[in-house]
Amino acid sequence: MKNNKNFKVFLYTGICLVASILIILLAATFYMMAYTSSSLKSELVDIPLDNDPQSIEEYYVEVKNSMYSELKNLQLTYVALSLNSFESIRDNHYNNMELVFSRYKNSFGEGGRIEYYKVYIDTDKKVINAYDYYEGASKSESGIGDKEITDFDKLKYESYLNDALPDYEKMLKSAEGCNAVVDFINNDISNCCGVSFYCDDLRVYNENFMID
């Protein structure tokens, strides 16, 4: 009888131990899923911009006004300008703009948890034609910057583009398809501008300029 009782105690203890381990493993699994999970929503839109914006700052103001409810708690942390032909590069005329508005939400996630709106603008038509909304771990989206861009006078894309162009102007001019991207980012590591030239979708040149 005593051995039978000891066996029941041993069996009960074993069951409790296994159940506890399973609960811990399930909790850890759910925690890691939440820790790394993210969501991205993309929308095609057609939102006209008022007041005929010309500069980066003017586009920023119009986008903020046009998407006020979505962007009211977010900060501008990244700007990218696309020049879609050699003529656009030569004339310093960007055809599309990308503005990223973001905020750090909390430390729960890989690198912390963030949210952002990435807004795509057709600067020839003066319309917002799409946006992405992201919420999740910041490590997977580290390229968007984490400090607000406030000094628009420093975003003189023409000077950076003109400094980078001479060595590659002949090749870009003769290529069947070429374009350029000028982007600005502000984060804990650097406040800089990047200039990239592409021919037939292959990047042929990239240079970063530190912004004082």
C-alpha atoms as a PDB file:
ATOM      1  CA  MET A   1       0.000   0.000   0.000  1.00  0.00           C
ATOM      2  CA  LYS A   2       2.798   2.365   0.935  1.00  0.00           C
ATOM      3  CA  ASN A   3       4.603   1.720  -2.360  1.00  0.00           C
ATOM      4  CA  ASN A   4       1.352   2.326  -4.249  1.00  0.00           C
ATOM      5  CA  LYS A   5       0.864   5.640  -2.432  1.00  0.00           C
ATOM      6  CA  ASN A   6       4.442   6.723  -3.172  1.00  0.00           C
ATOM      7  CA  PHE A   7       3.928   5.851  -6.822  1.00  0.00           C
ATOM      8  CA  LYS A   8       0.785   8.017  -6.992  1.00  0.00           C
ATOM      9  CA  VAL A   9       2.658  10.939  -5.376  1.00  0.00           C
ATOM     10  CA  PHE A  10       5.540  10.462  -7.811  1.00  0.00           C
ATOM     11  CA  LEU A  11       3.153  10.272 -10.783  1.00  0.00           C
ATOM     12  CA  TYR A  12       1.247  13.375  -9.664  1.00  0.00           C
ATOM     13  CA  THR A  13       4.498  15.294  -9.169  1.00  0.00           C
ATOM     14  CA  GLY A  14       5.715  14.233 -12.599  1.00  0.00           C
ATOM     15  CA  ILE A  15       2.478  15.326 -14.272  1.00  0.00           C
ATOM     16  CA  CYS A  16       2.637  18.722 -12.525  1.00  0.00           C
ATOM     17  CA  LEU A  17       6.274  19.153 -13.563  1.00  0.00           C
ATOM     18  CA  VAL A  18       5.561  18.303 -17.217  1.00  0.00           C
ATOM     19  CA  ALA A  19       2.525  20.630 -17.236  1.00  0.00           C
ATOM     20  CA  SER A  20       4.614  23.443 -15.760  1.00  0.00           C
ATOM     21  CA  ILE A  21       7.302  22.975 -18.418  1.00  0.00           C
ATOM     22  CA  LEU A  22       4.680  23.009 -21.192  1.00  0.00           C
ATOM     23  CA  ILE A  23       3.121  26.197 -19.811  1.00  0.00           C
ATOM     24  CA  ILE A  24       6.537  27.870 -19.643  1.00  0.00           C
ATOM     25  CA  LEU A  25       7.360  26.782 -23.217  1.00  0.00           C
ATOM     26  CA  LEU A  26       4.003  28.043 -24.524  1.00  0.00           C
ATOM     27  CA  ALA A  27       4.417  31.348 -22.691  1.00  0.00           C
ATOM     28  CA  ALA A  28       7.939  31.752 -24.095  1.00  0.00           C
ATOM     29  CA  THR A  29       6.691  30.963 -27.617  1.00  0.00           C
ATOM     30  CA  PHE A  30       3.908  33.553 -27.414  1.00  0.00           C
ATOM     31  CA  TYR A  31       6.331  36.083 -25.948  1.00  0.00           C
ATOM     32  CA  MET A  32       8.837  35.578 -28.778  1.00  0.00           C
ATOM     33  CA  MET A  33       6.058  35.830 -31.377  1.00  0.00           C
ATOM     34  CA  ALA A  34       4.934  39.122 -29.877  1.00  0.00           C
ATOM     35  CA  TYR A  35       8.543  40.250 -29.531  1.00  0.00           C
ATOM     36  CA  THR A  36       9.302  39.874 -33.219  1.00  0.00           C
ATOM     37  CA  SER A  37       5.858  40.204 -34.831  1.00  0.00           C
ATOM     38  CA  SER A  38       5.045  43.034 -37.194  1.00  0.00           C
ATOM     39  CA  SER A  39       2.314  44.160 -39.529  1.00  0.00           C
ATOM     40  CA  LEU A  40       2.366  46.163 -42.749  1.00  0.00           C
ATOM     41  CA  LYS A  41      -0.611  47.670 -44.539  1.00  0.00           C
ATOM     42  CA  SER A  42      -0.308  49.246 -47.993  1.00  0.00           C
ATOM     43  CA  GLU A  43      -2.933  51.500 -49.580  1.00  0.00           C
ATOM     44  CA  LEU A  44      -3.215  53.047 -53.025  1.00  0.00           C
ATOM     45  CA  VAL A  45      -4.761  56.504 -52.770  1.00  0.00           C
ATOM     46  CA  ASP A  46      -5.223  59.653 -54.808  1.00  0.00           C
ATOM     47  CA  ILE A  47      -4.941  62.614 -52.449  1.00  0.00           C
ATOM     48  CA  PRO A  48      -4.280  65.974 -54.154  1.00  0.00           C
ATOM     49  CA  LEU A  49      -1.920  68.415 -52.431  1.00  0.00           C
ATOM     50  CA  ASP A  50      -2.923  72.060 -52.109  1.00  0.00           C
ATOM     51  CA  ASN A  51      -0.931  75.271 -52.566  1.00  0.00           C
ATOM     52  CA  ASP A  52       1.362  73.909 -55.311  1.00  0.00           C
ATOM     53  CA  PRO A  53       4.261  72.762 -53.053  1.00  0.00           C
ATOM     54  CA  GLN A  54       7.777  73.133 -54.470  1.00  0.00           C
ATOM     55  CA  SER A  55      10.317  72.560 -51.700  1.00  0.00           C
ATOM     56  CA  ILE A  56      10.720  69.568 -49.405  1.00  0.00           C
ATOM     57  CA  GLU A  57       9.417  71.632 -46.508  1.00  0.00           C
ATOM     58  CA  GLU A  58       6.314  72.692 -48.447  1.00  0.00           C
ATOM     59  CA  TYR A  59       5.561  69.070 -49.351  1.00  0.00           C
ATOM     60  CA  TYR A  60       6.020  68.119 -45.709  1.00  0.00           C
ATOM     61  CA  VAL A  61       3.457  70.733 -44.621  1.00  0.00           C
ATOM     62  CA  GLU A  62       0.905  69.722 -47.264  1.00  0.00           C
ATOM     63  CA  VAL A  63       1.251  65.993 -46.518  1.00  0.00           C
ATOM     64  CA  LYS A  64       0.874  66.648 -42.789  1.00  0.00           C
ATOM     65  CA  ASN A  65      -2.302  68.631 -43.450  1.00  0.00           C
ATOM     66  CA  SER A  66      -3.721  66.101 -45.930  1.00  0.00           C
ATOM     67  CA  MET A  67      -3.162  63.109 -43.612  1.00  0.00           C
ATOM     68  CA  TYR A  68      -3.505  64.887 -40.294  1.00  0.00           C
ATOM     69  CA  SER A  69      -5.350  62.150 -38.393  1.00  0.00           C
ATOM     70  CA  GLU A  70      -2.792  59.515 -39.400  1.00  0.00           C
ATOM     71  CA  LEU A  71       0.356  61.625 -38.907  1.00  0.00           C
ATOM     72  CA  LYS A  72      -0.504  63.907 -35.977  1.00  0.00           C
ATOM     73  CA  ASN A  73       1.554  61.895 -33.441  1.00  0.00           C
ATOM     74  CA  LEU A  74       4.452  61.045 -35.764  1.00  0.00           C
ATOM     75  CA  GLN A  75       7.689  62.808 -36.720  1.00  0.00           C
ATOM     76  CA  LEU A  76       9.419  63.137 -40.081  1.00  0.00           C
ATOM     77  CA  THR A  77      12.533  60.931 -39.935  1.00  0.00           C
ATOM     78  CA  TYR A  78      13.356  60.102 -43.566  1.00  0.00           C
ATOM     79  CA  VAL A  79      13.121  61.796 -46.973  1.00  0.00           C
ATOM     80  CA  ALA A  80      13.890  60.290 -50.388  1.00  0.00           C
ATOM     81  CA  LEU A  81      13.754  62.004 -53.773  1.00  0.00           C
ATOM     82  CA  SER A  82      13.661  60.045 -57.059  1.00  0.00           C
ATOM     83  CA  LEU A  83      14.907  61.484 -60.350  1.00  0.00           C
ATOM     84  CA  ASN A  84      13.658  59.257 -63.148  1.00  0.00           C
ATOM     85  CA  SER A  85      15.859  60.156 -66.128  1.00  0.00           C
ATOM     86  CA  PHE A  86      19.167  61.735 -67.046  1.00  0.00           C
ATOM     87  CA  GLU A  87      17.332  64.949 -67.928  1.00  0.00           C
ATOM     88  CA  SER A  88      15.798  65.030 -64.451  1.00  0.00           C
ATOM     89  CA  ILE A  89      19.210  64.432 -62.884  1.00  0.00           C
ATOM     90  CA  ARG A  90      20.814  67.143 -65.009  1.00  0.00           C
ATOM     91  CA  ASP A  91      18.016  69.628 -64.258  1.00  0.00           C
ATOM     92  CA  ASN A  92      17.790  68.748 -60.527  1.00  0.00           C
ATOM     93  CA  HIS A  93      14.117  67.886 -60.955  1.00  0.00           C
ATOM     94  CA  TYR A  94      12.785  65.105 -58.730  1.00  0.00           C
ATOM     95  CA  ASN A  95       9.731  63.239 -60.029  1.00  0.00           C
ATOM     96  CA  ASN A  96       8.745  61.372 -56.864  1.00  0.00           C
ATOM     97  CA  MET A  97       9.168  61.865 -53.146  1.00  0.00           C
ATOM     98  CA  GLU A  98       8.990  59.510 -50.191  1.00  0.00           C
ATOM     99  CA  LEU A  99       8.395  60.851 -46.688  1.00  0.00           C
ATOM    100  CA  VAL A 100       8.506  58.635 -43.609  1.00  0.00           C
ATOM    101  CA  PHE A 101       6.742  59.726 -40.423  1.00  0.00           C
ATOM    102  CA  SER A 102       7.474  57.517 -37.430  1.00  0.00           C
ATOM    103  CA  ARG A 103       7.569  57.201 -33.667  1.00  0.00           C
ATOM    104  CA  TYR A 104       9.113  54.901 -31.084  1.00  0.00           C
ATOM    105  CA  LYS A 105       6.303  53.221 -29.125  1.00  0.00           C
ATOM    106  CA  ASN A 106       7.976  51.067 -26.466  1.00  0.00           C
ATOM    107  CA  SER A 107      10.878  48.723 -25.787  1.00  0.00           C
ATOM    108  CA  PHE A 108       8.817  45.558 -26.367  1.00  0.00           C
ATOM    109  CA  GLY A 109      10.333  44.203 -29.553  1.00  0.00           C
ATOM    110  CA  GLU A 110      13.623  43.635 -31.312  1.00  0.00           C
ATOM    111  CA  GLY A 111      15.288  47.035 -31.092  1.00  0.00           C
ATOM    112  CA  GLY A 112      12.082  48.478 -29.680  1.00  0.00           C
ATOM    113  CA  ARG A 113       8.638  48.738 -31.187  1.00  0.00           C
ATOM    114  CA  ILE A 114       7.829  51.470 -33.707  1.00  0.00           C
ATOM    115  CA  GLU A 115       5.104  52.583 -36.056  1.00  0.00           C
ATOM    116  CA  TYR A 116       5.402  54.591 -39.242  1.00  0.00           C
ATOM    117  CA  TYR A 117       3.640  55.870 -42.318  1.00  0.00           C
ATOM    118  CA  LYS A 118       5.700  55.822 -45.505  1.00  0.00           C
ATOM    119  CA  VAL A 119       4.033  58.283 -47.887  1.00  0.00           C
ATOM    120  CA  TYR A 120       4.671  58.184 -51.661  1.00  0.00           C
ATOM    121  CA  ILE A 121       4.171  61.396 -53.651  1.00  0.00           C
ATOM    122  CA  ASP A 122       4.024  62.061 -57.384  1.00  0.00           C
ATOM    123  CA  THR A 123       5.611  65.520 -57.467  1.00  0.00           C
ATOM    124  CA  ASP A 124       4.713  66.106 -61.119  1.00  0.00           C
ATOM    125  CA  LYS A 125       0.996  65.598 -60.453  1.00  0.00           C
ATOM    126  CA  LYS A 126       1.165  66.961 -56.870  1.00  0.00           C
ATOM    127  CA  VAL A 127      -0.665  63.990 -55.368  1.00  0.00           C
ATOM    128  CA  ILE A 128      -0.124  61.369 -52.681  1.00  0.00           C
ATOM    129  CA  ASN A 129      -0.535  58.145 -54.626  1.00  0.00           C
ATOM    130  CA  ALA A 130       0.164  55.507 -51.953  1.00  0.00           C
ATOM    131  CA  TYR A 131       1.272  54.888 -48.391  1.00  0.00           C
ATOM    132  CA  ASP A 132       2.494  52.022 -46.224  1.00  0.00           C
ATOM    133  CA  TYR A 133       1.668  51.672 -42.541  1.00  0.00           C
ATOM    134  CA  TYR A 134       3.996  49.564 -40.390  1.00  0.00           C
ATOM    135  CA  GLU A 135       3.939  48.558 -36.748  1.00  0.00           C
ATOM    136  CA  GLY A 136       6.490  46.209 -35.241  1.00  0.00           C
ATOM    137  CA  ALA A 137      10.120  45.631 -34.361  1.00  0.00           C
ATOM    138  CA  SER A 138      12.322  48.552 -35.305  1.00  0.00           C
ATOM    139  CA  LYS A 139      15.357  46.414 -36.207  1.00  0.00           C
ATOM    140  CA  SER A 140      13.724  45.249 -39.435  1.00  0.00           C
ATOM    141  CA  GLU A 141      13.056  48.876 -40.425  1.00  0.00           C
ATOM    142  CA  SER A 142      16.216  50.536 -39.131  1.00  0.00           C
ATOM    143  CA  GLY A 143      16.788  52.458 -42.372  1.00  0.00           C
ATOM    144  CA  ILE A 144      14.019  54.982 -41.786  1.00  0.00           C
ATOM    145  CA  GLY A 145      15.748  57.030 -39.083  1.00  0.00           C
ATOM    146  CA  ASP A 146      14.757  57.582 -35.477  1.00  0.00           C
ATOM    147  CA  LYS A 147      15.228  61.320 -34.951  1.00  0.00           C
ATOM    148  CA  GLU A 148      13.021  64.076 -36.270  1.00  0.00           C
ATOM    149  CA  ILE A 149      14.158  66.097 -39.285  1.00  0.00           C
ATOM    150  CA  THR A 150      13.505  69.744 -38.456  1.00  0.00           C
ATOM    151  CA  ASP A 151      16.082  71.849 -40.295  1.00  0.00           C
ATOM    152  CA  PHE A 152      14.909  71.796 -43.914  1.00  0.00           C
ATOM    153  CA  ASP A 153      17.564  74.299 -44.932  1.00  0.00           C
ATOM    154  CA  LYS A 154      20.113  71.494 -44.654  1.00  0.00           C
ATOM    155  CA  LEU A 155      18.270  69.310 -47.165  1.00  0.00           C
ATOM    156  CA  LYS A 156      19.851  70.953 -50.190  1.00  0.00           C
ATOM    157  CA  TYR A 157      19.637  67.960 -52.479  1.00  0.00           C
ATOM    158  CA  GLU A 158      20.883  69.939 -55.510  1.00  0.00           C
ATOM    159  CA  SER A 159      24.332  70.519 -54.026  1.00  0.00           C
ATOM    160  CA  TYR A 160      24.797  66.846 -53.057  1.00  0.00           C
ATOM    161  CA  LEU A 161      23.565  65.678 -56.451  1.00  0.00           C
ATOM    162  CA  ASN A 162      25.803  68.099 -58.338  1.00  0.00           C
ATOM    163  CA  ASP A 163      28.840  67.070 -56.281  1.00  0.00           C
ATOM    164  CA  ALA A 164      28.244  63.396 -57.050  1.00  0.00           C
ATOM    165  CA  LEU A 165      27.343  63.705 -60.740  1.00  0.00           C
ATOM    166  CA  PRO A 166      30.497  64.760 -62.697  1.00  0.00           C
ATOM    167  CA  ASP A 167      32.379  61.440 -62.595  1.00  0.00           C
ATOM    168  CA  TYR A 168      29.352  59.532 -63.874  1.00  0.00           C
ATOM    169  CA  GLU A 169      27.633  62.095 -66.084  1.00  0.00           C
ATOM    170  CA  LYS A 170      28.953  60.669 -69.361  1.00  0.00           C
ATOM    171  CA  MET A 171      27.876  57.125 -68.519  1.00  0.00           C
ATOM    172  CA  LEU A 172      24.446  58.208 -67.265  1.00  0.00           C
ATOM    173  CA  LYS A 173      23.859  60.311 -70.354  1.00  0.00           C
ATOM    174  CA  SER A 174      24.611  57.426 -72.715  1.00  0.00           C
ATOM    175  CA  ALA A 175      22.677  54.765 -70.772  1.00  0.00           C
ATOM    176  CA  GLU A 176      19.298  53.644 -72.086  1.00  0.00           C
ATOM    177  CA  GLY A 177      17.717  53.884 -68.660  1.00  0.00           C
ATOM    178  CA  CYS A 178      19.148  55.707 -65.666  1.00  0.00           C
ATOM    179  CA  ASN A 179      17.829  57.351 -62.540  1.00  0.00           C
ATOM    180  CA  ALA A 180      18.979  58.661 -59.195  1.00  0.00           C
ATOM    181  CA  VAL A 181      17.813  58.614 -55.596  1.00  0.00           C
ATOM    182  CA  VAL A 182      18.791  61.247 -53.056  1.00  0.00           C
ATOM    183  CA  ASP A 183      17.815  60.416 -49.481  1.00  0.00           C
ATOM    184  CA  PHE A 184      18.153  62.047 -46.082  1.00  0.00           C
ATOM    185  CA  ILE A 185      18.147  60.229 -42.758  1.00  0.00           C
ATOM    186  CA  ASN A 186      18.486  61.398 -39.174  1.00  0.00           C
ATOM    187  CA  ASN A 187      19.320  58.872 -36.484  1.00  0.00           C
ATOM    188  CA  ASP A 188      21.600  58.215 -33.513  1.00  0.00           C
ATOM    189  CA  ILE A 189      24.457  57.172 -35.786  1.00  0.00           C
ATOM    190  CA  SER A 190      24.446  59.891 -38.422  1.00  0.00           C
ATOM    191  CA  ASN A 191      22.673  62.791 -40.032  1.00  0.00           C
ATOM    192  CA  CYS A 192      23.503  62.301 -43.673  1.00  0.00           C
ATOM    193  CA  CYS A 193      22.510  62.420 -47.287  1.00  0.00           C
ATOM    194  CA  GLY A 194      22.972  59.521 -49.690  1.00  0.00           C
ATOM    195  CA  VAL A 195      23.190  59.874 -53.463  1.00  0.00           C
ATOM    196  CA  SER A 196      22.778  56.773 -55.648  1.00  0.00           C
ATOM    197  CA  PHE A 197      22.841  56.491 -59.441  1.00  0.00           C
ATOM    198  CA  TYR A 198      21.277  53.526 -61.251  1.00  0.00           C
ATOM    199  CA  CYS A 199      21.526  52.300 -64.842  1.00  0.00           C
ATOM    200  CA  ASP A 200      19.092  49.623 -65.995  1.00  0.00           C
ATOM    201  CA  ASP A 201      18.138  49.026 -62.322  1.00  0.00           C
ATOM    202  CA  LEU A 202      21.754  48.332 -61.293  1.00  0.00           C
ATOM    203  CA  ARG A 203      23.350  50.715 -58.814  1.00  0.00           C
ATOM    204  CA  VAL A 204      26.533  52.079 -60.330  1.00  0.00           C
ATOM    205  CA  TYR A 205      27.456  54.721 -57.779  1.00  0.00           C
ATOM    206  CA  ASN A 206      26.662  55.572 -54.183  1.00  0.00           C
ATOM    207  CA  GLU A 207      28.062  58.266 -51.922  1.00  0.00           C
ATOM    208  CA  ASN A 208      27.148  59.527 -48.480  1.00  0.00           C
ATOM    209  CA  PHE A 209      27.582  63.129 -47.351  1.00  0.00           C
ATOM    210  CA  MET A 210      27.507  64.061 -43.677  1.00  0.00           C
ATOM    211  CA  ILE A 211      25.184  66.961 -42.889  1.00  0.00           C
ATOM    212  CA  ASP A 212      26.549  69.376 -40.315  1.00  0.00           C
END
